[in-house]
C-alpha atoms as a PDB file:
ATOM      1  CA  MET A   1      70.530 -69.056  96.109  1.00  0.00           C
ATOM      2  CA  LYS A   2      73.906 -69.285  97.847  1.00  0.00           C
ATOM      3  CA  LYS A   3      74.852 -65.852  99.137  1.00  0.00           C
ATOM      4  CA  ALA A   4      78.600 -66.512  98.860  1.00  0.00           C
ATOM      5  CA  ASP A   5      78.259 -67.443  95.187  1.00  0.00           C
ATOM      6  CA  LEU A   6      75.993 -64.479  94.540  1.00  0.00           C
ATOM      7  CA  ASP A   7      78.383 -62.033  96.234  1.00  0.00           C
ATOM      8  CA  LEU A   8      81.338 -63.466  94.316  1.00  0.00           C
ATOM      9  CA  TYR A   9      79.540 -63.133  91.021  1.00  0.00           C
ATOM     10  CA  ALA A  10      78.397 -59.568  91.796  1.00  0.00           C
ATOM     11  CA  ASP A  11      81.972 -58.609  92.723  1.00  0.00           C
ATOM     12  CA  TYR A  12      83.145 -60.047  89.422  1.00  0.00           C
ATOM     13  CA  LEU A  13      80.610 -57.971  87.490  1.00  0.00           C
ATOM     14  CA  LEU A  14      81.765 -54.861  89.340  1.00  0.00           C
ATOM     15  CA  SER A  15      85.391 -55.488  88.451  1.00  0.00           C
ATOM     16  CA  THR A  16      85.044 -56.442  84.790  1.00  0.00           C
ATOM     17  CA  PHE A  17      84.512 -54.044  81.894  1.00  0.00           C
ATOM     18  CA  GLY A  18      84.265 -56.520  79.031  1.00  0.00           C
ATOM     19  CA  ALA A  19      82.197 -59.633  78.446  1.00  0.00           C
ATOM     20  CA  ALA A  20      81.604 -61.483  81.707  1.00  0.00           C
ATOM     21  CA  THR A  21      82.242 -65.210  81.339  1.00  0.00           C
ATOM     22  CA  ALA A  22      82.365 -68.208  83.632  1.00  0.00           C
ATOM     23  CA  THR A  23      85.915 -68.859  82.430  1.00  0.00           C
ATOM     24  CA  GLY A  24      86.885 -65.288  83.251  1.00  0.00           C
ATOM     25  CA  LEU A  25      85.501 -65.527  86.784  1.00  0.00           C
ATOM     26  CA  SER A  26      87.261 -68.833  87.379  1.00  0.00           C
ATOM     27  CA  ALA A  27      90.540 -67.321  86.191  1.00  0.00           C
ATOM     28  CA  MET A  28      90.085 -64.279  88.435  1.00  0.00           C
ATOM     29  CA  VAL A  29      89.906 -66.495  91.555  1.00  0.00           C
ATOM     30  CA  GLU A  30      92.801 -68.604  90.239  1.00  0.00           C
ATOM     31  CA  GLY A  31      90.689 -71.710  89.755  1.00  0.00           C
ATOM     32  CA  GLU A  32      89.332 -71.896  93.307  1.00  0.00           C
ATOM     33  CA  VAL A  33      85.891 -71.957  91.738  1.00  0.00           C
ATOM     34  CA  SER A  34      85.663 -73.972  88.547  1.00  0.00           C
ATOM     35  CA  HIS A  35      84.000 -72.951  85.303  1.00  0.00           C
ATOM     36  CA  ASP A  36      81.456 -75.768  85.746  1.00  0.00           C
ATOM     37  CA  GLN A  37      80.547 -74.636  89.281  1.00  0.00           C
ATOM     38  CA  ILE A  38      79.807 -71.132  88.031  1.00  0.00           C
ATOM     39  CA  THR A  39      77.771 -72.419  85.098  1.00  0.00           C
ATOM     40  CA  ARG A  40      75.703 -74.665  87.383  1.00  0.00           C
ATOM     41  CA  PHE A  41      75.104 -71.769  89.765  1.00  0.00           C
ATOM     42  CA  LEU A  42      73.895 -69.492  86.958  1.00  0.00           C
ATOM     43  CA  SER A  43      71.714 -72.212  85.431  1.00  0.00           C
ATOM     44  CA  ALA A  44      70.149 -73.448  88.660  1.00  0.00           C
ATOM     45  CA  GLN A  45      67.101 -71.189  88.546  1.00  0.00           C
ATOM     46  CA  GLU A  46      65.696 -68.069  86.991  1.00  0.00           C
ATOM     47  CA  TYR A  47      65.962 -65.125  89.348  1.00  0.00           C
ATOM     48  CA  THR A  48      62.935 -62.851  89.268  1.00  0.00           C
ATOM     49  CA  SER A  49      61.788 -59.541  90.637  1.00  0.00           C
ATOM     50  CA  LYS A  50      60.890 -61.317  93.888  1.00  0.00           C
ATOM     51  CA  ASP A  51      64.482 -62.518  94.266  1.00  0.00           C
ATOM     52  CA  LEU A  52      65.723 -58.971  93.618  1.00  0.00           C
ATOM     53  CA  TRP A  53      63.520 -57.647  96.422  1.00  0.00           C
ATOM     54  CA  GLN A  54      64.916 -60.233  98.828  1.00  0.00           C
ATOM     55  CA  GLN A  55      68.418 -59.017  97.993  1.00  0.00           C
ATOM     56  CA  VAL A  56      67.730 -55.270  98.280  1.00  0.00           C
ATOM     57  CA  LYS A  57      65.176 -55.326 101.094  1.00  0.00           C
ATOM     58  CA  SER A  58      67.629 -54.605 103.915  1.00  0.00           C
ATOM     59  CA  THR A  59      69.201 -51.739 101.931  1.00  0.00           C
ATOM     60  CA  VAL A  60      65.790 -50.232 101.245  1.00  0.00           C
ATOM     61  CA  ARG A  61      64.708 -50.533 104.888  1.00  0.00           C
ATOM     62  CA  ALA A  62      67.788 -48.556 105.959  1.00  0.00           C
ATOM     63  CA  VAL A  63      66.907 -45.518 103.811  1.00  0.00           C
ATOM     64  CA  GLU A  64      63.158 -45.602 103.151  1.00  0.00           C
ATOM     65  CA  HIS A  65      60.828 -42.823 104.255  1.00  0.00           C
ATOM     66  CA  ASP A  66      57.141 -42.039 103.875  1.00  0.00           C
ATOM     67  CA  ASP A  67      58.058 -39.348 101.320  1.00  0.00           C
ATOM     68  CA  GLY A  68      59.910 -41.851  99.118  1.00  0.00           C
ATOM     69  CA  VAL A  69      59.325 -41.926  95.375  1.00  0.00           C
ATOM     70  CA  LEU A  70      58.666 -44.951  93.146  1.00  0.00           C
ATOM     71  CA  ILE A  71      59.893 -44.264  89.604  1.00  0.00           C
ATOM     72  CA  PHE A  72      58.885 -46.291  86.560  1.00  0.00           C
ATOM     73  CA  ASP A  73      60.973 -46.276  83.428  1.00  0.00           C
ATOM     74  CA  ASP A  74      61.246 -48.697  80.544  1.00  0.00           C
ATOM     75  CA  THR A  75      64.217 -49.187  78.270  1.00  0.00           C
ATOM     76  CA  ILE A  76      64.853 -51.223  75.135  1.00  0.00           C
ATOM     77  CA  GLN A  77      68.089 -53.101  74.562  1.00  0.00           C
ATOM     78  CA  GLU A  78      68.242 -52.995  70.776  1.00  0.00           C
ATOM     79  CA  LYS A  79      69.329 -56.292  69.188  1.00  0.00           C
ATOM     80  CA  THR A  80      68.948 -55.822  65.451  1.00  0.00           C
ATOM     81  CA  TRP A  81      70.556 -59.074  64.350  1.00  0.00           C
ATOM     82  CA  SER A  82      69.275 -61.473  67.019  1.00  0.00           C
ATOM     83  CA  ASP A  83      66.754 -64.185  66.197  1.00  0.00           C
ATOM     84  CA  GLU A  84      63.192 -63.163  66.947  1.00  0.00           C
ATOM     85  CA  SER A  85      61.306 -64.731  69.868  1.00  0.00           C
ATOM     86  CA  GLU A  86      58.563 -63.772  72.317  1.00  0.00           C
ATOM     87  CA  LEU A  87      61.207 -61.867  74.285  1.00  0.00           C
ATOM     88  CA  MET A  88      63.483 -60.689  71.459  1.00  0.00           C
ATOM     89  CA  CYS A  89      60.949 -58.921  69.262  1.00  0.00           C
ATOM     90  CA  TRP A  90      59.755 -55.555  67.985  1.00  0.00           C
ATOM     91  CA  HIS A  91      58.822 -52.786  70.431  1.00  0.00           C
ATOM     92  CA  PHE A  92      57.935 -49.145  69.878  1.00  0.00           C
ATOM     93  CA  ASP A  93      60.714 -46.879  71.120  1.00  0.00           C
ATOM     94  CA  HIS A  94      59.165 -43.638  72.397  1.00  0.00           C
ATOM     95  CA  CYS A  95      62.547 -41.894  72.392  1.00  0.00           C
ATOM     96  CA  SER A  96      63.303 -42.498  68.715  1.00  0.00           C
ATOM     97  CA  GLY A  97      59.666 -42.604  67.596  1.00  0.00           C
ATOM     98  CA  ARG A  98      60.077 -45.908  65.735  1.00  0.00           C
ATOM     99  CA  SER A  99      59.847 -49.644  66.303  1.00  0.00           C
ATOM    100  CA  VAL A 100      63.088 -51.403  67.178  1.00  0.00           C
ATOM    101  CA  LYS A 101      63.987 -55.040  67.657  1.00  0.00           C
ATOM    102  CA  GLY A 102      65.276 -55.977  71.086  1.00  0.00           C
ATOM    103  CA  ILE A 103      64.454 -56.659  74.733  1.00  0.00           C
ATOM    104  CA  ASN A 104      62.011 -54.353  76.527  1.00  0.00           C
ATOM    105  CA  LEU A 105      62.748 -53.965  80.251  1.00  0.00           C
ATOM    106  CA  LEU A 106      60.400 -52.237  82.727  1.00  0.00           C
ATOM    107  CA  ASN A 107      62.149 -50.995  85.881  1.00  0.00           C
ATOM    108  CA  ALA A 108      60.828 -49.761  89.219  1.00  0.00           C
ATOM    109  CA  LEU A 109      63.383 -47.610  91.055  1.00  0.00           C
ATOM    110  CA  TYR A 110      62.943 -46.454  94.635  1.00  0.00           C
ATOM    111  CA  SER A 111      64.355 -42.988  95.363  1.00  0.00           C
ATOM    112  CA  CYS A 112      64.793 -41.733  98.906  1.00  0.00           C
ATOM    113  CA  ASN A 113      67.448 -39.850 100.876  1.00  0.00           C
ATOM    114  CA  ALA A 114      69.672 -39.281  97.820  1.00  0.00           C
ATOM    115  CA  THR A 115      69.694 -43.014  97.044  1.00  0.00           C
ATOM    116  CA  SER A 116      68.259 -44.820  94.027  1.00  0.00           C
ATOM    117  CA  ILE A 117      67.577 -48.556  94.373  1.00  0.00           C
ATOM    118  CA  PRO A 118      65.946 -50.903  91.829  1.00  0.00           C
ATOM    119  CA  VAL A 119      63.173 -52.754  93.657  1.00  0.00           C
ATOM    120  CA  ALA A 120      61.365 -54.539  90.815  1.00  0.00           C
ATOM    121  CA  PHE A 121      61.682 -55.351  87.130  1.00  0.00           C
ATOM    122  CA  GLU A 122      59.812 -57.183  84.418  1.00  0.00           C
ATOM    123  CA  LEU A 123      60.584 -58.189  80.848  1.00  0.00           C
ATOM    124  CA  VAL A 124      57.938 -57.484  78.228  1.00  0.00           C
ATOM    125  CA  LYS A 125      57.097 -60.661  76.317  1.00  0.00           C
ATOM    126  CA  LYS A 126      54.948 -60.987  73.207  1.00  0.00           C
ATOM    127  CA  PRO A 127      53.909 -64.637  72.912  1.00  0.00           C
ATOM    128  CA  ILE A 128      50.829 -64.051  70.733  1.00  0.00           C
ATOM    129  CA  GLN A 129      51.446 -64.098  66.980  1.00  0.00           C
ATOM    130  CA  TYR A 130      48.912 -62.701  64.524  1.00  0.00           C
ATOM    131  CA  CYS A 131      48.653 -61.507  60.952  1.00  0.00           C
ATOM    132  CA  ASP A 132      48.259 -57.755  60.494  1.00  0.00           C
ATOM    133  CA  LEU A 133      45.549 -57.312  57.855  1.00  0.00           C
ATOM    134  CA  ALA A 134      46.835 -53.945  56.644  1.00  0.00           C
ATOM    135  CA  SER A 135      50.454 -54.956  56.078  1.00  0.00           C
ATOM    136  CA  ARG A 136      49.834 -58.721  55.744  1.00  0.00           C
ATOM    137  CA  LYS A 137      52.838 -59.286  57.982  1.00  0.00           C
ATOM    138  CA  LEU A 138      53.194 -61.646  60.920  1.00  0.00           C
ATOM    139  CA  LYS A 139      53.392 -59.647  64.134  1.00  0.00           C
ATOM    140  CA  ARG A 140      53.501 -60.255  67.872  1.00  0.00           C
ATOM    141  CA  LYS A 141      51.606 -58.857  70.829  1.00  0.00           C
ATOM    142  CA  SER A 142      51.692 -59.290  74.574  1.00  0.00           C
ATOM    143  CA  ASP A 143      48.957 -60.820  76.680  1.00  0.00           C
ATOM    144  CA  LYS A 144      49.579 -58.030  79.199  1.00  0.00           C
ATOM    145  CA  THR A 145      50.262 -54.339  78.563  1.00  0.00           C
ATOM    146  CA  LYS A 146      53.122 -52.394  80.156  1.00  0.00           C
ATOM    147  CA  ASN A 147      50.518 -50.326  81.990  1.00  0.00           C
ATOM    148  CA  GLU A 148      49.042 -53.490  83.500  1.00  0.00           C
ATOM    149  CA  MET A 149      52.535 -54.663  84.432  1.00  0.00           C
ATOM    150  CA  MET A 150      53.247 -51.329  86.114  1.00  0.00           C
ATOM    151  CA  ARG A 151      50.059 -51.516  88.178  1.00  0.00           C
ATOM    152  CA  GLU A 152      50.928 -55.050  89.271  1.00  0.00           C
ATOM    153  CA  MET A 153      54.425 -53.879  90.271  1.00  0.00           C
ATOM    154  CA  ILE A 154      52.919 -51.033  92.330  1.00  0.00           C
ATOM    155  CA  ASP A 155      50.654 -53.555  94.067  1.00  0.00           C
ATOM    156  CA  THR A 156      53.680 -55.739  94.792  1.00  0.00           C
ATOM    157  CA  CYS A 157      55.634 -52.804  96.255  1.00  0.00           C
ATOM    158  CA  ILE A 158      52.695 -51.923  98.495  1.00  0.00           C
ATOM    159  CA  GLY A 159      52.445 -55.580  99.521  1.00  0.00           C
ATOM    160  CA  ASN A 160      56.155 -55.432 100.413  1.00  0.00           C
ATOM    161  CA  ALA A 161      55.357 -52.504 102.760  1.00  0.00           C
ATOM    162  CA  LEU A 162      57.578 -50.163 100.745  1.00  0.00           C
ATOM    163  CA  LYS A 163      57.143 -46.587 101.965  1.00  0.00           C
ATOM    164  CA  PHE A 164      56.496 -44.110  99.164  1.00  0.00           C
ATOM    165  CA  ARG A 165      54.332 -41.071  98.565  1.00  0.00           C
ATOM    166  CA  PHE A 166      54.645 -40.518  94.822  1.00  0.00           C
ATOM    167  CA  VAL A 167      54.716 -42.613  91.688  1.00  0.00           C
ATOM    168  CA  LEU A 168      56.699 -40.903  88.925  1.00  0.00           C
ATOM    169  CA  MET A 169      56.248 -41.930  85.298  1.00  0.00           C
ATOM    170  CA  ASP A 170      56.674 -40.826  81.724  1.00  0.00           C
ATOM    171  CA  SER A 171      53.960 -39.737  79.319  1.00  0.00           C
ATOM    172  CA  TRP A 172      53.234 -43.220  77.915  1.00  0.00           C
ATOM    173  CA  PHE A 173      52.098 -44.274  81.404  1.00  0.00           C
ATOM    174  CA  SER A 174      49.954 -41.142  81.903  1.00  0.00           C
ATOM    175  CA  SER A 175      46.557 -42.737  81.437  1.00  0.00           C
ATOM    176  CA  GLU A 176      43.431 -41.967  83.444  1.00  0.00           C
ATOM    177  CA  GLU A 177      43.290 -45.634  84.463  1.00  0.00           C
ATOM    178  CA  ASN A 178      46.768 -45.435  85.988  1.00  0.00           C
ATOM    179  CA  PHE A 179      45.969 -42.135  87.711  1.00  0.00           C
ATOM    180  CA  THR A 180      42.823 -43.593  89.278  1.00  0.00           C
ATOM    181  CA  PHE A 181      44.650 -46.754  90.325  1.00  0.00           C
ATOM    182  CA  ILE A 182      47.482 -44.857  92.045  1.00  0.00           C
ATOM    183  CA  THR A 183      45.264 -42.434  93.955  1.00  0.00           C
ATOM    184  CA  GLY A 184      43.002 -45.348  94.880  1.00  0.00           C
ATOM    185  CA  LYS A 185      46.000 -46.904  96.620  1.00  0.00           C
ATOM    186  CA  GLY A 186      46.476 -43.773  98.740  1.00  0.00           C
ATOM    187  CA  ARG A 187      49.464 -42.522  96.734  1.00  0.00           C
ATOM    188  CA  HIS A 188      50.032 -39.523  94.472  1.00  0.00           C
ATOM    189  CA  PHE A 189      51.394 -39.338  90.948  1.00  0.00           C
ATOM    190  CA  ILE A 190      53.645 -36.987  89.023  1.00  0.00           C
ATOM    191  CA  ALA A 191      53.656 -37.722  85.314  1.00  0.00           C
ATOM    192  CA  ALA A 192      54.788 -36.186  82.058  1.00  0.00           C
ATOM    193  CA  LEU A 193      52.049 -35.138  79.653  1.00  0.00           C
ATOM    194  CA  LYS A 194      51.980 -35.138  75.889  1.00  0.00           C
ATOM    195  CA  ASP A 195      51.439 -31.717  74.368  1.00  0.00           C
ATOM    196  CA  ASN A 196      48.014 -32.653  73.031  1.00  0.00           C
ATOM    197  CA  ARG A 197      46.495 -33.509  76.429  1.00  0.00           C
ATOM    198  CA  LEU A 198      43.452 -31.368  77.166  1.00  0.00           C
ATOM    199  CA  LEU A 199      42.866 -29.363  80.341  1.00  0.00           C
ATOM    200  CA  ALA A 200      39.915 -27.346  81.672  1.00  0.00           C
ATOM    201  CA  LEU A 201      40.912 -24.517  84.012  1.00  0.00           C
ATOM    202  CA  SER A 202      37.641 -24.397  85.936  1.00  0.00           C
ATOM    203  CA  GLU A 203      34.822 -26.675  87.031  1.00  0.00           C
ATOM    204  CA  GLU A 204      32.479 -24.724  84.754  1.00  0.00           C
ATOM    205  CA  ASP A 205      34.773 -25.232  81.761  1.00  0.00           C
ATOM    206  CA  ARG A 206      34.939 -28.937  82.511  1.00  0.00           C
ATOM    207  CA  LYS A 207      31.141 -29.257  82.702  1.00  0.00           C
ATOM    208  CA  ASN A 208      30.778 -27.352  79.434  1.00  0.00           C
ATOM    209  CA  LYS A 209      33.563 -29.419  77.827  1.00  0.00           C
ATOM    210  CA  ARG A 210      35.780 -26.397  77.183  1.00  0.00           C
ATOM    211  CA  PHE A 211      39.218 -27.947  77.154  1.00  0.00           C
ATOM    212  CA  THR A 212      42.513 -26.506  75.902  1.00  0.00           C
ATOM    213  CA  ARG A 213      45.710 -28.248  74.853  1.00  0.00           C
ATOM    214  CA  VAL A 214      48.326 -27.914  77.580  1.00  0.00           C
ATOM    215  CA  ASP A 215      50.884 -26.543  75.125  1.00  0.00           C
ATOM    216  CA  GLU A 216      48.469 -23.746  74.191  1.00  0.00           C
ATOM    217  CA  LEU A 217      47.759 -22.612  77.742  1.00  0.00           C
ATOM    218  CA  ILE A 218      49.254 -19.267  78.719  1.00  0.00           C
ATOM    219  CA  PHE A 219      50.985 -19.474  82.095  1.00  0.00           C
ATOM    220  CA  SER A 220      54.508 -18.944  83.390  1.00  0.00           C
ATOM    221  CA  GLU A 221      56.986 -21.696  84.127  1.00  0.00           C
ATOM    222  CA  GLN A 222      57.147 -20.944  87.839  1.00  0.00           C
ATOM    223  CA  THR A 223      53.381 -20.964  88.407  1.00  0.00           C
ATOM    224  CA  PRO A 224      51.460 -24.274  88.674  1.00  0.00           C
ATOM    225  CA  VAL A 225      47.893 -24.130  87.365  1.00  0.00           C
ATOM    226  CA  ARG A 226      44.975 -26.125  88.698  1.00  0.00           C
ATOM    227  CA  GLY A 227      42.516 -27.790  86.418  1.00  0.00           C
ATOM    228  CA  TRP A 228      40.863 -30.978  85.176  1.00  0.00           C
ATOM    229  CA  LEU A 229      42.377 -33.284  82.584  1.00  0.00           C
ATOM    230  CA  LYS A 230      39.864 -34.523  80.052  1.00  0.00           C
ATOM    231  CA  GLY A 231      38.728 -37.990  81.099  1.00  0.00           C
ATOM    232  CA  TYR A 232      39.993 -37.725  84.672  1.00  0.00           C
ATOM    233  CA  ALA A 233      37.509 -36.732  87.365  1.00  0.00           C
ATOM    234  CA  LYS A 234      39.797 -35.167  89.985  1.00  0.00           C
ATOM    235  CA  GLU A 235      41.450 -31.757  90.057  1.00  0.00           C
ATOM    236  CA  VAL A 236      45.190 -31.752  89.343  1.00  0.00           C
ATOM    237  CA  LEU A 237      48.192 -29.424  89.195  1.00  0.00           C
ATOM    238  CA  VAL A 238      49.995 -28.817  85.906  1.00  0.00           C
ATOM    239  CA  VAL A 239      53.451 -27.232  85.700  1.00  0.00           C
ATOM    240  CA  ARG A 240      55.583 -26.237  82.745  1.00  0.00           C
ATOM    241  CA  GLN A 241      59.317 -26.910  82.521  1.00  0.00           C
ATOM    242  CA  VAL A 242      61.397 -25.022  79.956  1.00  0.00           C
ATOM    243  CA  PHE A 243      64.884 -26.380  79.334  1.00  0.00           C
ATOM    244  CA  LYS A 244      67.791 -26.307  76.911  1.00  0.00           C
ATOM    245  CA  ASN A 245      68.545 -29.339  74.752  1.00  0.00           C
ATOM    246  CA  LYS A 246      72.075 -30.434  73.907  1.00  0.00           C
ATOM    247  CA  ASP A 247      71.806 -28.701  70.540  1.00  0.00           C
ATOM    248  CA  ASP A 248      70.857 -25.418  72.322  1.00  0.00           C
ATOM    249  CA  SER A 249      67.254 -25.649  71.171  1.00  0.00           C
ATOM    250  CA  THR A 250      64.519 -24.978  73.716  1.00  0.00           C
ATOM    251  CA  GLY A 251      62.344 -27.800  74.994  1.00  0.00           C
ATOM    252  CA  VAL A 252      59.094 -27.656  76.952  1.00  0.00           C
ATOM    253  CA  LEU A 253      57.785 -30.356  79.272  1.00  0.00           C
ATOM    254  CA  HIS A 254      54.424 -30.420  81.023  1.00  0.00           C
ATOM    255  CA  LEU A 255      53.947 -32.339  84.249  1.00  0.00           C
ATOM    256  CA  VAL A 256      50.750 -33.269  86.064  1.00  0.00           C
ATOM    257  CA  CYS A 257      50.581 -33.850  89.830  1.00  0.00           C
ATOM    258  CA  SER A 258      47.685 -35.208  91.882  1.00  0.00           C
ATOM    259  CA  ASP A 259      48.864 -33.625  95.156  1.00  0.00           C
ATOM    260  CA  LEU A 260      47.354 -30.135  95.219  1.00  0.00           C
ATOM    261  CA  THR A 261      49.574 -29.128  98.152  1.00  0.00           C
ATOM    262  CA  CYS A 262      52.750 -29.342  96.053  1.00  0.00           C
ATOM    263  CA  ASP A 263      54.454 -26.258  94.691  1.00  0.00           C
ATOM    264  CA  TYR A 264      56.672 -25.786  91.651  1.00  0.00           C
ATOM    265  CA  ASP A 265      59.909 -26.489  93.537  1.00  0.00           C
ATOM    266  CA  ALA A 266      58.647 -29.776  94.981  1.00  0.00           C
ATOM    267  CA  ILE A 267      57.456 -31.034  91.598  1.00  0.00           C
ATOM    268  CA  SER A 268      60.691 -29.905  89.937  1.00  0.00           C
ATOM    269  CA  LEU A 269      62.738 -31.794  92.531  1.00  0.00           C
ATOM    270  CA  ASP A 270      60.823 -34.974  91.782  1.00  0.00           C
ATOM    271  CA  LEU A 271      61.321 -34.326  88.068  1.00  0.00           C
ATOM    272  CA  GLN A 272      65.063 -34.330  88.699  1.00  0.00           C
ATOM    273  CA  LYS A 273      64.667 -37.780  90.261  1.00  0.00           C
ATOM    274  CA  THR A 274      62.846 -38.940  87.134  1.00  0.00           C
ATOM    275  CA  VAL A 275      65.650 -37.645  84.913  1.00  0.00           C
ATOM    276  CA  ALA A 276      68.178 -39.327  87.190  1.00  0.00           C
ATOM    277  CA  SER A 277      66.249 -42.596  86.908  1.00  0.00           C
ATOM    278  CA  GLY A 278      66.725 -42.412  83.152  1.00  0.00           C
ATOM    279  CA  GLY A 279      70.471 -42.338  83.761  1.00  0.00           C
ATOM    280  CA  VAL A 280      70.220 -45.294  86.108  1.00  0.00           C
ATOM    281  CA  SER A 281      68.151 -47.178  83.534  1.00  0.00           C
ATOM    282  CA  GLN A 282      70.813 -46.551  80.912  1.00  0.00           C
ATOM    283  CA  ILE A 283      73.412 -47.936  83.318  1.00  0.00           C
ATOM    284  CA  LEU A 284      71.235 -50.955  84.018  1.00  0.00           C
ATOM    285  CA  GLU A 285      70.703 -51.412  80.286  1.00  0.00           C
ATOM    286  CA  VAL A 286      74.450 -51.618  79.758  1.00  0.00           C
ATOM    287  CA  GLN A 287      74.879 -53.943  82.718  1.00  0.00           C
ATOM    288  CA  CYS A 288      72.015 -56.163  81.570  1.00  0.00           C
ATOM    289  CA  GLU A 289      73.327 -56.520  78.030  1.00  0.00           C
ATOM    290  CA  SER A 290      73.234 -60.172  77.018  1.00  0.00           C
ATOM    291  CA  GLY A 291      76.637 -59.659  75.435  1.00  0.00           C
ATOM    292  CA  GLN A 292      78.154 -58.603  78.739  1.00  0.00           C
ATOM    293  CA  VAL A 293      76.823 -61.633  80.602  1.00  0.00           C
ATOM    294  CA  ALA A 294      77.787 -63.903  77.762  1.00  0.00           C
ATOM    295  CA  HIS A 295      77.255 -67.133  79.661  1.00  0.00           C
ATOM    296  CA  ALA A 296      73.703 -66.422  80.831  1.00  0.00           C
ATOM    297  CA  ASN A 297      71.464 -69.420  80.263  1.00  0.00           C
ATOM    298  CA  ARG A 298      69.028 -68.821  77.408  1.00  0.00           C
ATOM    299  CA  ALA A 299      66.429 -70.808  79.375  1.00  0.00           C
ATOM    300  CA  HIS A 300      66.543 -68.053  82.011  1.00  0.00           C
ATOM    301  CA  PRO A 301      66.280 -64.749  80.130  1.00  0.00           C
ATOM    302  CA  LYS A 302      65.841 -62.691  83.311  1.00  0.00           C
ATOM    303  CA  GLN A 303      69.300 -63.603  84.607  1.00  0.00           C
ATOM    304  CA  PRO A 304      71.241 -60.712  82.999  1.00  0.00           C
ATOM    305  CA  CYS A 305      68.641 -58.207  84.222  1.00  0.00           C
ATOM    306  CA  PHE A 306      68.679 -59.584  87.765  1.00  0.00           C
ATOM    307  CA  TYR A 307      72.468 -59.488  87.990  1.00  0.00           C
ATOM    308  CA  GLY A 308      72.596 -56.037  86.397  1.00  0.00           C
ATOM    309  CA  HIS A 309      70.219 -54.643  89.033  1.00  0.00           C
ATOM    310  CA  LEU A 310      72.097 -56.381  91.821  1.00  0.00           C
ATOM    311  CA  ARG A 311      75.372 -55.035  90.529  1.00  0.00           C
ATOM    312  CA  HIS A 312      73.973 -51.509  90.655  1.00  0.00           C
ATOM    313  CA  VAL A 313      72.868 -51.916  94.282  1.00  0.00           C
ATOM    314  CA  GLN A 314      76.082 -53.528  95.487  1.00  0.00           C
ATOM    315  CA  ALA A 315      78.117 -50.816  93.803  1.00  0.00           C
ATOM    316  CA  GLY A 316      76.501 -48.405  96.246  1.00  0.00           C
ATOM    317  CA  MET A 317      76.008 -45.887  93.459  1.00  0.00           C
ATOM    318  CA  PRO A 318      74.502 -42.623  94.716  1.00  0.00           C
ATOM    319  CA  GLU A 319      71.663 -41.036  92.873  1.00  0.00           C
ATOM    320  CA  PRO A 320      72.961 -39.041  89.852  1.00  0.00           C
END
């Protein structure tokens, strides 16, 4: 990777608001770099999460702290009319509650000292085709789940000596296996819970299998409760967040934290980072749109995502 070419291309992405093209970049520098040179540069190799880390490492080292937070968030770039492939296929969208056709991107964002930096990413591929007996339709599945991908990304971040205390994640990552994995690595987790998750408020209740849905527990928003999630062996903290939706309706969110020394304010602050990461992911989704990087080589599907993440870092965008 030639740094001069990479910097030039990133600057071009920062300055353009429409479709980014090799012709457009060549015109911007008044032909000093030809269309063919740009195309060869973009087609030379597929840039991966490892390449992203090499680009952001120095920025991360300047801001990282032991209390840093690693935030996982996945987003789907919906592409209704694109041809189906192992990458461009159907994924369940937790936000809309339905399956949509598009590209599923898993991001790892590092948050520390009011800065949010993407440090890893993966694309969800579904290379295995099978016939669903119930619907008799041809479907696809991945050889690796998003939860497995997330655990591998955490391992990679630890291997890169990234300093972080918490892993923040949404409810579809809130499995006992992930909780055990994270605490086994000497880190803590803060995760959203679905309303039907079951909690025992005492060791005796847990032993006697007396569990209650978290949305049926009676406790105030400002007071964390300690208890045991069904299926998870260690004691945890659960807090309740009450908020207003855009339509003025009231929403309730339950969060679970493995660090029993945390209070409501500390967990709420980390929740704000999670919400902010959703905004960053939406920005990255726009920047990674295949339509915006129109000349990305189809043989290297990770290119738009890599350049979108790099664009975010080089823009020096503060945490929302």
